[in-house]
Amino acid sequence: MEKSRTEAFTDAVIAIVMTILVLEFPHVHGSTFADLVVLKDIFPAYVISFIFLVIYWSNHHHIFQMVEKVSGQTLWWNNAFIFLITLLPFTTNWLGDNIWAHDPEILYAALFLLANLTWLFMIKNLVKVNAHNACVTKILGDYRKSYRTLLLNALALVAAFFIPIGGLIINVLSFLLWIVPDKRIEKIKNK
């Protein structure tokens, strides 16, 4: 099955989610910079979520540039991933309104744990579907970074129960692993 429609659909959904993130900002009533204080918690949550989306999009783009085909199962894993990503504006808004509260932090951490678990299953399926390509199996078949991320996401979820902001900090650290897509993919694309 061709991969182009999966890429285009994912790109569109991520772009829409990014737009919705900013539309969730509360209205600022007033005409001075001091009136922007209503954004003091939501703006950092927005920035973190926006960066997460950029990281997801960038890695998704690199991975799909590398693979040749997808399967029906790949589409379902990708759709499950997209479903979880579409929940990001809601969870970001709730987190921004209650950044020091347990439940929003727990939901935010759980969302990323589930999204990254779904991501791993999608990658494993792509490796299986593209097993004939040695580069795909070598690079995408190395799941260590994904396992480390899931471990950090699980730790973030646990931390959110005890020190809410701790869960957010750990999730930010987990995404630092992915801020630069795998350089081996870049080398293959530039050959």
Protein backbone atom coordinates (compact mmCIF):
# COMPACT_ATOMS: atom_id res chain seq x y z
CA MET A 1 0.00 0.00 0.00
CA GLU A 2 1.28 3.50 -0.80
CA LYS A 3 2.46 5.62 2.10
CA SER A 4 1.74 9.10 0.70
CA ARG A 5 -1.89 9.29 1.86
CA THR A 6 -0.90 8.28 5.39
CA GLU A 7 1.75 11.01 5.45
CA ALA A 8 -0.60 13.66 4.07
CA PHE A 9 -3.41 12.76 6.45
CA THR A 10 -1.10 12.81 9.48
CA ASP A 11 0.41 16.13 8.39
CA ALA A 12 -3.06 17.65 8.07
CA VAL A 13 -4.24 16.40 11.46
CA ILE A 14 -1.12 17.64 13.24
CA ALA A 15 -1.49 21.05 11.57
CA ILE A 16 -5.12 21.24 12.69
CA VAL A 17 -4.22 20.21 16.25
CA MET A 18 -1.52 22.92 16.34
CA THR A 19 -4.12 25.48 15.24
CA ILE A 20 -6.64 24.32 17.82
CA LEU A 21 -3.99 24.60 20.54
CA VAL A 22 -3.70 28.34 20.00
CA LEU A 23 -7.46 28.78 19.60
CA GLU A 24 -7.89 27.35 23.10
CA PHE A 25 -6.21 30.43 24.62
CA PRO A 26 -8.54 32.35 26.92
CA HIS A 27 -9.71 35.77 25.83
CA VAL A 28 -7.62 38.61 27.20
CA HIS A 29 -9.82 41.37 28.57
CA GLY A 30 -7.86 44.57 28.57
CA SER A 31 -5.39 46.49 26.48
CA THR A 32 -2.18 46.34 28.49
CA PHE A 33 0.60 43.79 28.76
CA ALA A 34 -0.40 43.34 32.40
CA ASP A 35 -3.69 41.88 31.18
CA LEU A 36 -1.75 38.98 29.65
CA VAL A 37 -1.31 37.54 33.15
CA VAL A 38 -4.27 35.27 32.38
CA LEU A 39 -1.87 33.36 30.07
CA LYS A 40 0.82 32.77 32.73
CA ASP A 41 0.12 29.03 33.04
CA ILE A 42 -1.58 28.23 29.73
CA PHE A 43 1.22 29.73 27.62
CA PRO A 44 3.97 27.43 28.97
CA ALA A 45 1.62 24.43 28.56
CA TYR A 46 0.91 25.57 24.98
CA VAL A 47 4.62 25.92 24.17
CA ILE A 48 5.40 22.46 25.55
CA SER A 49 2.54 20.85 23.64
CA PHE A 50 3.43 22.69 20.44
CA ILE A 51 7.04 21.50 20.71
CA PHE A 52 5.83 17.95 21.35
CA LEU A 53 3.74 18.12 18.17
CA VAL A 54 6.68 19.46 16.16
CA ILE A 55 8.85 16.61 17.44
CA TYR A 56 6.19 14.03 16.58
CA TRP A 57 5.69 15.53 13.11
CA SER A 58 9.41 15.74 12.39
CA ASN A 59 10.05 12.13 13.42
CA HIS A 60 6.94 10.89 11.59
CA HIS A 61 8.14 12.68 8.46
CA HIS A 62 11.63 11.17 8.68
CA ILE A 63 10.35 7.67 9.31
CA PHE A 64 7.86 7.77 6.45
CA GLN A 65 10.53 9.10 4.11
CA MET A 66 12.51 5.97 4.88
CA VAL A 67 9.84 3.30 4.46
CA GLU A 68 8.49 2.21 1.11
CA LYS A 69 5.08 0.87 2.02
CA VAL A 70 2.48 0.60 4.75
CA SER A 71 -0.11 -2.03 5.61
CA GLY A 72 -3.69 -1.83 6.81
CA GLN A 73 -2.39 -2.49 10.31
CA THR A 74 0.03 0.44 9.95
CA LEU A 75 -2.92 2.68 9.09
CA TRP A 76 -4.77 1.59 12.22
CA TRP A 77 -1.74 2.20 14.45
CA ASN A 78 -1.23 5.59 12.82
CA ASN A 79 -4.92 6.42 13.27
CA ALA A 80 -4.77 5.41 16.95
CA PHE A 81 -1.72 7.67 17.32
CA ILE A 82 -3.58 10.53 15.60
CA PHE A 83 -6.61 10.00 17.83
CA LEU A 84 -4.44 10.43 20.91
CA ILE A 85 -2.78 13.51 19.43
CA THR A 86 -6.19 15.11 18.82
CA LEU A 87 -6.75 15.00 22.58
CA LEU A 88 -3.75 17.26 23.14
CA PRO A 89 -5.63 20.61 22.94
CA PHE A 90 -8.07 19.48 25.62
CA THR A 91 -5.39 18.12 27.93
CA THR A 92 -3.16 21.15 27.35
CA ASN A 93 -5.99 23.53 28.18
CA TRP A 94 -6.86 21.63 31.36
CA LEU A 95 -3.20 21.45 32.33
CA GLY A 96 -2.68 25.16 31.65
CA ASP A 97 -5.67 26.06 33.81
CA ASN A 98 -4.50 23.76 36.64
CA ILE A 99 -0.75 23.34 36.20
CA TRP A 100 -0.12 22.43 39.85
CA ALA A 101 -3.03 19.96 40.17
CA HIS A 102 -2.64 16.17 40.15
CA ASP A 103 -5.42 15.09 37.79
CA PRO A 104 -4.53 17.31 34.79
CA GLU A 105 -0.87 16.30 35.14
CA ILE A 106 -1.84 12.63 35.38
CA LEU A 107 -4.02 12.86 32.26
CA TYR A 108 -1.31 14.71 30.35
CA ALA A 109 1.31 12.11 31.32
CA ALA A 110 -1.05 9.23 30.50
CA LEU A 111 -1.75 10.74 27.07
CA PHE A 112 1.94 10.77 26.19
CA LEU A 113 2.49 7.28 27.54
CA LEU A 114 -0.34 5.97 25.35
CA ALA A 115 0.73 8.03 22.31
CA ASN A 116 4.30 6.77 22.56
CA LEU A 117 3.18 3.19 23.09
CA THR A 118 1.02 3.45 19.97
CA TRP A 119 3.96 5.04 18.14
CA LEU A 120 6.14 2.04 19.06
CA PHE A 121 3.56 -0.42 17.73
CA MET A 122 3.31 1.59 14.51
CA ILE A 123 7.10 1.53 14.09
CA LYS A 124 7.24 -2.21 14.79
CA ASN A 125 4.60 -2.73 12.12
CA LEU A 126 6.51 -0.58 9.64
CA VAL A 127 9.63 -2.66 10.27
CA LYS A 128 7.64 -5.83 9.62
CA VAL A 129 6.06 -4.49 6.42
CA ASN A 130 9.41 -3.20 5.13
CA ALA A 131 11.51 -6.15 6.33
CA HIS A 132 13.01 -6.51 2.85
CA ASN A 133 14.83 -3.18 3.40
CA ALA A 134 17.94 -3.76 5.54
CA CYS A 135 18.21 -0.06 6.44
CA VAL A 136 14.67 0.02 7.78
CA THR A 137 15.19 -3.09 9.91
CA LYS A 138 18.54 -1.81 11.19
CA ILE A 139 17.50 1.75 12.00
CA LEU A 140 13.78 1.53 12.80
CA GLY A 141 14.21 -1.94 14.29
CA ASP A 142 16.41 -0.46 17.02
CA TYR A 143 13.72 0.19 19.64
CA ARG A 144 16.01 1.30 22.50
CA LYS A 145 15.09 4.99 22.23
CA SER A 146 11.38 4.10 22.21
CA TYR A 147 11.77 1.86 25.25
CA ARG A 148 13.66 4.60 27.13
CA THR A 149 10.93 7.06 26.22
CA LEU A 150 8.20 4.72 27.47
CA LEU A 151 10.11 4.18 30.70
CA LEU A 152 10.36 7.94 31.21
CA ASN A 153 6.67 8.36 30.32
CA ALA A 154 5.72 5.73 32.91
CA LEU A 155 7.94 7.46 35.47
CA ALA A 156 6.29 10.78 34.57
CA LEU A 157 2.87 9.25 35.17
CA VAL A 158 3.90 7.96 38.59
CA ALA A 159 5.57 11.27 39.47
CA ALA A 160 2.40 13.16 38.53
CA PHE A 161 0.58 11.39 41.37
CA PHE A 162 3.03 12.72 43.96
CA ILE A 163 4.63 15.86 42.51
CA PRO A 164 2.40 17.03 39.67
CA ILE A 165 4.90 19.33 37.95
CA GLY A 166 7.46 16.51 38.19
CA GLY A 167 5.49 14.49 35.66
CA LEU A 168 5.57 17.36 33.20
CA ILE A 169 9.31 17.87 33.67
CA ILE A 170 10.03 14.17 33.10
CA ASN A 171 7.89 14.14 29.94
CA VAL A 172 9.78 17.16 28.62
CA LEU A 173 13.04 15.29 29.28
CA SER A 174 11.70 12.24 27.46
CA PHE A 175 11.02 14.30 24.36
CA LEU A 176 14.56 15.66 24.34
CA LEU A 177 15.54 12.17 23.14
CA TRP A 178 13.55 12.83 19.96
CA ILE A 179 14.20 16.51 19.30
CA VAL A 180 16.72 15.58 16.63
CA PRO A 181 15.46 12.77 14.39
CA ASP A 182 17.75 9.80 13.90
CA LYS A 183 20.77 11.07 11.96
CA ARG A 184 21.09 7.70 10.22
CA ILE A 185 17.80 8.42 8.44
CA GLU A 186 19.19 11.74 7.20
CA LYS A 187 22.26 9.98 5.81
CA ILE A 188 20.09 7.47 3.92
CA LYS A 189 17.83 10.20 2.50
CA ASN A 190 20.82 12.20 1.29
CA LYS A 191 22.40 9.31 -0.64
